[in-house]
Amino acid sequence: MANNRSSNSLLVPQCNAALDQMKYEVAREIGVSIPQDGYYGMMATRDAGALGGNITRRLVQMAEMQLAGRASR
């Protein structure tokens, strides 16, 4: 069994920049400030959860739209 327990590795590493951009867009929309130094330890748990939840919601919407587009073909 691997010692690395992180399950949030990207399946497509090239999408890292797009996900970062989405993170900043969503944070701006919900009024959460992202630390410039990259340390999230001082961020409120509520804000981090809201940010992650909204990003997940947007990713699911995008996937549903792609699947709906394939189904209509």
PDB file of N, CA and C in Angstrom:
ATOM      1  N   MET A   1       0.845  -1.182   0.000  1.00  0.00           N
ATOM      2  CA  MET A   1       0.000   0.000   0.000  1.00  0.00           C
ATOM      3  C   MET A   1       0.883   1.235   0.000  1.00  0.00           C
ATOM      4  N   ALA A   2       0.515   2.214  -0.775  1.00  0.00           N
ATOM      5  CA  ALA A   2       1.323   3.426  -0.917  1.00  0.00           C
ATOM      6  C   ALA A   2       1.230   4.287   0.333  1.00  0.00           C
ATOM      7  N   ASN A   3       2.319   4.979   0.647  1.00  0.00           N
ATOM      8  CA  ASN A   3       2.338   5.865   1.805  1.00  0.00           C
ATOM      9  C   ASN A   3       1.621   7.175   1.520  1.00  0.00           C
ATOM     10  N   ASN A   4       1.521   7.551   0.265  1.00  0.00           N
ATOM     11  CA  ASN A   4       0.861   8.792  -0.101  1.00  0.00           C
ATOM     12  C   ASN A   4      -0.645   8.577  -0.105  1.00  0.00           C
ATOM     13  N   ARG A   5      -1.343   9.207   0.822  1.00  0.00           N
ATOM     14  CA  ARG A   5      -2.780   9.004   0.967  1.00  0.00           C
ATOM     15  C   ARG A   5      -3.584  10.061   0.230  1.00  0.00           C
ATOM     16  N   SER A   6      -2.929  10.959  -0.462  1.00  0.00           N
ATOM     17  CA  SER A   6      -3.632  12.013  -1.171  1.00  0.00           C
ATOM     18  C   SER A   6      -4.394  11.423  -2.354  1.00  0.00           C
ATOM     19  N   SER A   7      -5.665  11.739  -2.415  1.00  0.00           N
ATOM     20  CA  SER A   7      -6.484  11.228  -3.514  1.00  0.00           C
ATOM     21  C   SER A   7      -6.857  12.329  -4.500  1.00  0.00           C
ATOM     22  N   ASN A   8      -6.318  13.526  -4.307  1.00  0.00           N
ATOM     23  CA  ASN A   8      -6.709  14.633  -5.163  1.00  0.00           C
ATOM     24  C   ASN A   8      -5.661  14.948  -6.221  1.00  0.00           C
ATOM     25  N   SER A   9      -5.085  13.909  -6.799  1.00  0.00           N
ATOM     26  CA  SER A   9      -4.144  14.122  -7.892  1.00  0.00           C
ATOM     27  C   SER A   9      -4.932  14.288  -9.191  1.00  0.00           C
ATOM     28  N   LEU A  10      -4.412  15.125 -10.058  1.00  0.00           N
ATOM     29  CA  LEU A  10      -5.097  15.424 -11.310  1.00  0.00           C
ATOM     30  C   LEU A  10      -4.916  14.288 -12.312  1.00  0.00           C
ATOM     31  N   LEU A  11      -6.001  13.912 -12.950  1.00  0.00           N
ATOM     32  CA  LEU A  11      -5.912  12.894 -13.990  1.00  0.00           C
ATOM     33  C   LEU A  11      -5.280  13.466 -15.245  1.00  0.00           C
ATOM     34  N   VAL A  12      -5.520  14.756 -15.497  1.00  0.00           N
ATOM     35  CA  VAL A  12      -4.945  15.457 -16.644  1.00  0.00           C
ATOM     36  C   VAL A  12      -4.129  16.622 -16.090  1.00  0.00           C
ATOM     37  N   PRO A  13      -2.836  16.439 -15.888  1.00  0.00           N
ATOM     38  CA  PRO A  13      -2.012  17.474 -15.254  1.00  0.00           C
ATOM     39  C   PRO A  13      -2.011  18.811 -15.996  1.00  0.00           C
ATOM     40  N   GLN A  14      -2.291  18.807 -17.279  1.00  0.00           N
ATOM     41  CA  GLN A  14      -2.283  20.046 -18.056  1.00  0.00           C
ATOM     42  C   GLN A  14      -3.435  20.975 -17.673  1.00  0.00           C
ATOM     43  N   CYS A  15      -4.429  20.502 -16.944  1.00  0.00           N
ATOM     44  CA  CYS A  15      -5.577  21.337 -16.587  1.00  0.00           C
ATOM     45  C   CYS A  15      -5.337  22.136 -15.311  1.00  0.00           C
ATOM     46  N   ASN A  16      -4.152  22.050 -14.749  1.00  0.00           N
ATOM     47  CA  ASN A  16      -3.845  22.732 -13.493  1.00  0.00           C
ATOM     48  C   ASN A  16      -4.077  24.240 -13.588  1.00  0.00           C
ATOM     49  N   ALA A  17      -3.654  24.868 -14.662  1.00  0.00           N
ATOM     50  CA  ALA A  17      -3.824  26.318 -14.819  1.00  0.00           C
ATOM     51  C   ALA A  17      -5.305  26.682 -14.908  1.00  0.00           C
ATOM     52  N   ALA A  18      -6.093  25.887 -15.613  1.00  0.00           N
ATOM     53  CA  ALA A  18      -7.525  26.154 -15.734  1.00  0.00           C
ATOM     54  C   ALA A  18      -8.223  26.022 -14.387  1.00  0.00           C
ATOM     55  N   LEU A  19      -7.828  25.033 -13.592  1.00  0.00           N
ATOM     56  CA  LEU A  19      -8.420  24.868 -12.269  1.00  0.00           C
ATOM     57  C   LEU A  19      -8.031  26.018 -11.341  1.00  0.00           C
ATOM     58  N   ASP A  20      -6.794  26.478 -11.435  1.00  0.00           N
ATOM     59  CA  ASP A  20      -6.383  27.633 -10.639  1.00  0.00           C
ATOM     60  C   ASP A  20      -7.184  28.868 -11.017  1.00  0.00           C
ATOM     61  N   GLN A  21      -7.390  29.076 -12.311  1.00  0.00           N
ATOM     62  CA  GLN A  21      -8.168  30.214 -12.771  1.00  0.00           C
ATOM     63  C   GLN A  21      -9.601  30.112 -12.246  1.00  0.00           C
ATOM     64  N   MET A  22     -10.180  28.922 -12.300  1.00  0.00           N
ATOM     65  CA  MET A  22     -11.535  28.719 -11.801  1.00  0.00           C
ATOM     66  C   MET A  22     -11.598  29.004 -10.303  1.00  0.00           C
ATOM     67  N   LYS A  23     -10.571  28.601  -9.569  1.00  0.00           N
ATOM     68  CA  LYS A  23     -10.531  28.829  -8.125  1.00  0.00           C
ATOM     69  C   LYS A  23     -10.602  30.319  -7.821  1.00  0.00           C
ATOM     70  N   TYR A  24      -9.835  31.121  -8.543  1.00  0.00           N
ATOM     71  CA  TYR A  24      -9.835  32.567  -8.303  1.00  0.00           C
ATOM     72  C   TYR A  24     -11.144  33.208  -8.749  1.00  0.00           C
ATOM     73  N   GLU A  25     -11.725  32.733  -9.843  1.00  0.00           N
ATOM     74  CA  GLU A  25     -13.009  33.259 -10.308  1.00  0.00           C
ATOM     75  C   GLU A  25     -14.111  32.994  -9.288  1.00  0.00           C
ATOM     76  N   VAL A  26     -14.184  31.761  -8.810  1.00  0.00           N
ATOM     77  CA  VAL A  26     -15.218  31.393  -7.846  1.00  0.00           C
ATOM     78  C   VAL A  26     -15.004  32.152  -6.538  1.00  0.00           C
ATOM     79  N   ALA A  27     -13.761  32.272  -6.095  1.00  0.00           N
ATOM     80  CA  ALA A  27     -13.479  33.005  -4.860  1.00  0.00           C
ATOM     81  C   ALA A  27     -13.941  34.453  -4.979  1.00  0.00           C
ATOM     82  N   ARG A  28     -13.686  35.060  -6.118  1.00  0.00           N
ATOM     83  CA  ARG A  28     -14.114  36.447  -6.335  1.00  0.00           C
ATOM     84  C   ARG A  28     -15.639  36.540  -6.319  1.00  0.00           C
ATOM     85  N   GLU A  29     -16.320  35.571  -6.938  1.00  0.00           N
ATOM     86  CA  GLU A  29     -17.783  35.580  -7.000  1.00  0.00           C
ATOM     87  C   GLU A  29     -18.425  35.463  -5.621  1.00  0.00           C
ATOM     88  N   ILE A  30     -17.850  34.635  -4.755  1.00  0.00           N
ATOM     89  CA  ILE A  30     -18.458  34.427  -3.437  1.00  0.00           C
ATOM     90  C   ILE A  30     -17.849  35.324  -2.364  1.00  0.00           C
ATOM     91  N   GLY A  31     -16.882  36.153  -2.728  1.00  0.00           N
ATOM     92  CA  GLY A  31     -16.323  37.121  -1.795  1.00  0.00           C
ATOM     93  C   GLY A  31     -15.299  36.563  -0.825  1.00  0.00           C
ATOM     94  N   VAL A  32     -14.581  35.530  -1.236  1.00  0.00           N
ATOM     95  CA  VAL A  32     -13.538  34.926  -0.400  1.00  0.00           C
ATOM     96  C   VAL A  32     -12.183  35.361  -0.938  1.00  0.00           C
ATOM     97  N   SER A  33     -11.305  35.794  -0.044  1.00  0.00           N
ATOM     98  CA  SER A  33      -9.969  36.187  -0.500  1.00  0.00           C
ATOM     99  C   SER A  33      -9.021  35.001  -0.374  1.00  0.00           C
ATOM    100  N   ILE A  34      -8.284  34.748  -1.428  1.00  0.00           N
ATOM    101  CA  ILE A  34      -7.312  33.648  -1.472  1.00  0.00           C
ATOM    102  C   ILE A  34      -5.964  34.219  -1.056  1.00  0.00           C
ATOM    103  N   PRO A  35      -5.282  33.586  -0.120  1.00  0.00           N
ATOM    104  CA  PRO A  35      -3.968  34.090   0.302  1.00  0.00           C
ATOM    105  C   PRO A  35      -2.962  34.094  -0.855  1.00  0.00           C
ATOM    106  N   GLN A  36      -2.263  35.178  -1.010  1.00  0.00           N
ATOM    107  CA  GLN A  36      -1.294  35.307  -2.097  1.00  0.00           C
ATOM    108  C   GLN A  36      -0.070  34.413  -1.891  1.00  0.00           C
ATOM    109  N   ASP A  37       0.240  34.097  -0.629  1.00  0.00           N
ATOM    110  CA  ASP A  37       1.415  33.272  -0.366  1.00  0.00           C
ATOM    111  C   ASP A  37       1.147  31.781  -0.535  1.00  0.00           C
ATOM    112  N   GLY A  38      -0.117  31.417  -0.788  1.00  0.00           N
ATOM    113  CA  GLY A  38      -0.451  30.015  -1.024  1.00  0.00           C
ATOM    114  C   GLY A  38      -0.706  29.217   0.235  1.00  0.00           C
ATOM    115  N   TYR A  39      -0.607  29.848   1.413  1.00  0.00           N
ATOM    116  CA  TYR A  39      -0.841  29.162   2.676  1.00  0.00           C
ATOM    117  C   TYR A  39      -2.302  29.349   3.074  1.00  0.00           C
ATOM    118  N   TYR A  40      -3.035  28.258   3.127  1.00  0.00           N
ATOM    119  CA  TYR A  40      -4.460  28.319   3.419  1.00  0.00           C
ATOM    120  C   TYR A  40      -4.765  28.077   4.897  1.00  0.00           C
ATOM    121  N   GLY A  41      -3.770  27.973   5.743  1.00  0.00           N
ATOM    122  CA  GLY A  41      -3.957  27.688   7.156  1.00  0.00           C
ATOM    123  C   GLY A  41      -4.720  28.754   7.914  1.00  0.00           C
ATOM    124  N   MET A  42      -4.678  29.976   7.441  1.00  0.00           N
ATOM    125  CA  MET A  42      -5.384  31.063   8.111  1.00  0.00           C
ATOM    126  C   MET A  42      -6.771  31.304   7.517  1.00  0.00           C
ATOM    127  N   MET A  43      -7.120  30.564   6.483  1.00  0.00           N
ATOM    128  CA  MET A  43      -8.434  30.715   5.854  1.00  0.00           C
ATOM    129  C   MET A  43      -9.473  30.005   6.716  1.00  0.00           C
ATOM    130  N   ALA A  44     -10.618  30.638   6.895  1.00  0.00           N
ATOM    131  CA  ALA A  44     -11.691  30.032   7.684  1.00  0.00           C
ATOM    132  C   ALA A  44     -12.180  28.758   7.004  1.00  0.00           C
ATOM    133  N   THR A  45     -12.482  27.767   7.808  1.00  0.00           N
ATOM    134  CA  THR A  45     -12.967  26.491   7.290  1.00  0.00           C
ATOM    135  C   THR A  45     -14.235  26.682   6.472  1.00  0.00           C
ATOM    136  N   ARG A  46     -15.088  27.575   6.928  1.00  0.00           N
ATOM    137  CA  ARG A  46     -16.335  27.852   6.220  1.00  0.00           C
ATOM    138  C   ARG A  46     -16.053  28.392   4.816  1.00  0.00           C
ATOM    139  N   ASP A  47     -15.072  29.298   4.709  1.00  0.00           N
ATOM    140  CA  ASP A  47     -14.724  29.870   3.408  1.00  0.00           C
ATOM    141  C   ASP A  47     -14.113  28.821   2.487  1.00  0.00           C
ATOM    142  N   ALA A  48     -13.227  27.991   3.042  1.00  0.00           N
ATOM    143  CA  ALA A  48     -12.601  26.942   2.231  1.00  0.00           C
ATOM    144  C   ALA A  48     -13.657  25.950   1.734  1.00  0.00           C
ATOM    145  N   GLY A  49     -14.610  25.608   2.599  1.00  0.00           N
ATOM    146  CA  GLY A  49     -15.674  24.690   2.214  1.00  0.00           C
ATOM    147  C   GLY A  49     -16.587  25.287   1.151  1.00  0.00           C
ATOM    148  N   ALA A  50     -16.897  26.569   1.311  1.00  0.00           N
ATOM    149  CA  ALA A  50     -17.740  27.237   0.323  1.00  0.00           C
ATOM    150  C   ALA A  50     -17.038  27.297  -1.024  1.00  0.00           C
ATOM    151  N   LEU A  51     -15.753  27.581  -0.995  1.00  0.00           N
ATOM    152  CA  LEU A  51     -14.969  27.647  -2.232  1.00  0.00           C
ATOM    153  C   LEU A  51     -14.935  26.283  -2.920  1.00  0.00           C
ATOM    154  N   GLY A  52     -14.595  25.249  -2.167  1.00  0.00           N
ATOM    155  CA  GLY A  52     -14.537  23.900  -2.735  1.00  0.00           C
ATOM    156  C   GLY A  52     -15.888  23.417  -3.227  1.00  0.00           C
ATOM    157  N   GLY A  53     -16.945  23.713  -2.479  1.00  0.00           N
ATOM    158  CA  GLY A  53     -18.284  23.306  -2.876  1.00  0.00           C
ATOM    159  C   GLY A  53     -18.734  23.973  -4.165  1.00  0.00           C
ATOM    160  N   ASN A  54     -18.440  25.258  -4.297  1.00  0.00           N
ATOM    161  CA  ASN A  54     -18.826  25.981  -5.509  1.00  0.00           C
ATOM    162  C   ASN A  54     -18.008  25.536  -6.709  1.00  0.00           C
ATOM    163  N   ILE A  55     -16.746  25.237  -6.508  1.00  0.00           N
ATOM    164  CA  ILE A  55     -15.920  24.728  -7.610  1.00  0.00           C
ATOM    165  C   ILE A  55     -16.461  23.372  -8.066  1.00  0.00           C
ATOM    166  N   THR A  56     -16.784  22.504  -7.113  1.00  0.00           N
ATOM    167  CA  THR A  56     -17.328  21.192  -7.445  1.00  0.00           C
ATOM    168  C   THR A  56     -18.646  21.331  -8.189  1.00  0.00           C
ATOM    169  N   ARG A  57     -19.517  22.224  -7.720  1.00  0.00           N
ATOM    170  CA  ARG A  57     -20.798  22.451  -8.380  1.00  0.00           C
ATOM    171  C   ARG A  57     -20.589  22.881  -9.833  1.00  0.00           C
ATOM    172  N   ARG A  58     -19.626  23.777 -10.046  1.00  0.00           N
ATOM    173  CA  ARG A  58     -19.371  24.265 -11.409  1.00  0.00           C
ATOM    174  C   ARG A  58     -18.801  23.152 -12.288  1.00  0.00           C
ATOM    175  N   LEU A  59     -17.905  22.327 -11.749  1.00  0.00           N
ATOM    176  CA  LEU A  59     -17.336  21.226 -12.523  1.00  0.00           C
ATOM    177  C   LEU A  59     -18.410  20.202 -12.899  1.00  0.00           C
ATOM    178  N   VAL A  60     -19.328  19.923 -11.979  1.00  0.00           N
ATOM    179  CA  VAL A  60     -20.415  18.988 -12.267  1.00  0.00           C
ATOM    180  C   VAL A  60     -21.317  19.563 -13.349  1.00  0.00           C
ATOM    181  N   GLN A  61     -21.619  20.859 -13.277  1.00  0.00           N
ATOM    182  CA  GLN A  61     -22.431  21.499 -14.318  1.00  0.00           C
ATOM    183  C   GLN A  61     -21.767  21.370 -15.682  1.00  0.00           C
ATOM    184  N   MET A  62     -20.455  21.611 -15.723  1.00  0.00           N
ATOM    185  CA  MET A  62     -19.734  21.517 -16.994  1.00  0.00           C
ATOM    186  C   MET A  62     -19.801  20.096 -17.546  1.00  0.00           C
ATOM    187  N   ALA A  63     -19.632  19.101 -16.675  1.00  0.00           N
ATOM    188  CA  ALA A  63     -19.682  17.705 -17.115  1.00  0.00           C
ATOM    189  C   ALA A  63     -21.080  17.342 -17.604  1.00  0.00           C
ATOM    190  N   GLU A  64     -22.108  17.814 -16.901  1.00  0.00           N
ATOM    191  CA  GLU A  64     -23.475  17.530 -17.332  1.00  0.00           C
ATOM    192  C   GLU A  64     -23.768  18.147 -18.692  1.00  0.00           C
ATOM    193  N   MET A  65     -23.278  19.357 -18.927  1.00  0.00           N
ATOM    194  CA  MET A  65     -23.490  20.000 -20.210  1.00  0.00           C
ATOM    195  C   MET A  65     -22.789  19.238 -21.324  1.00  0.00           C
ATOM    196  N   GLN A  66     -21.578  18.735 -21.047  1.00  0.00           N
ATOM    197  CA  GLN A  66     -20.861  17.949 -22.053  1.00  0.00           C
ATOM    198  C   GLN A  66     -21.599  16.651 -22.355  1.00  0.00           C
ATOM    199  N   LEU A  67     -22.097  15.995 -21.304  1.00  0.00           N
ATOM    200  CA  LEU A  67     -22.823  14.739 -21.517  1.00  0.00           C
ATOM    201  C   LEU A  67     -24.137  14.984 -22.252  1.00  0.00           C
ATOM    202  N   ALA A  68     -24.811  16.064 -21.950  1.00  0.00           N
ATOM    203  CA  ALA A  68     -26.055  16.387 -22.644  1.00  0.00           C
ATOM    204  C   ALA A  68     -25.785  16.678 -24.111  1.00  0.00           C
ATOM    205  N   GLY A  69     -24.646  17.322 -24.412  1.00  0.00           N
ATOM    206  CA  GLY A  69     -24.287  17.599 -25.796  1.00  0.00           C
ATOM    207  C   GLY A  69     -23.985  16.331 -26.571  1.00  0.00           C
ATOM    208  N   ARG A  70     -23.388  15.356 -25.925  1.00  0.00           N
ATOM    209  CA  ARG A  70     -23.094  14.082 -26.591  1.00  0.00           C
ATOM    210  C   ARG A  70     -24.364  13.281 -26.811  1.00  0.00           C
ATOM    211  N   ALA A  71     -25.298  13.368 -25.869  1.00  0.00           N
ATOM    212  CA  ALA A  71     -26.542  12.598 -25.971  1.00  0.00           C
ATOM    213  C   ALA A  71     -27.443  13.114 -27.087  1.00  0.00           C
ATOM    214  N   SER A  72     -27.333  14.407 -27.403  1.00  0.00           N
ATOM    215  CA  SER A  72     -28.207  14.977 -28.425  1.00  0.00           C
ATOM    216  C   SER A  72     -27.690  14.750 -29.835  1.00  0.00           C
ATOM    217  N   ARG A  73     -26.527  14.187 -29.977  1.00  0.00           N
ATOM    218  CA  ARG A  73     -25.951  13.940 -31.304  1.00  0.00           C
ATOM    219  C   ARG A  73     -26.531  12.744 -31.966  1.00  0.00           C
TER     220      ARG A  73
END
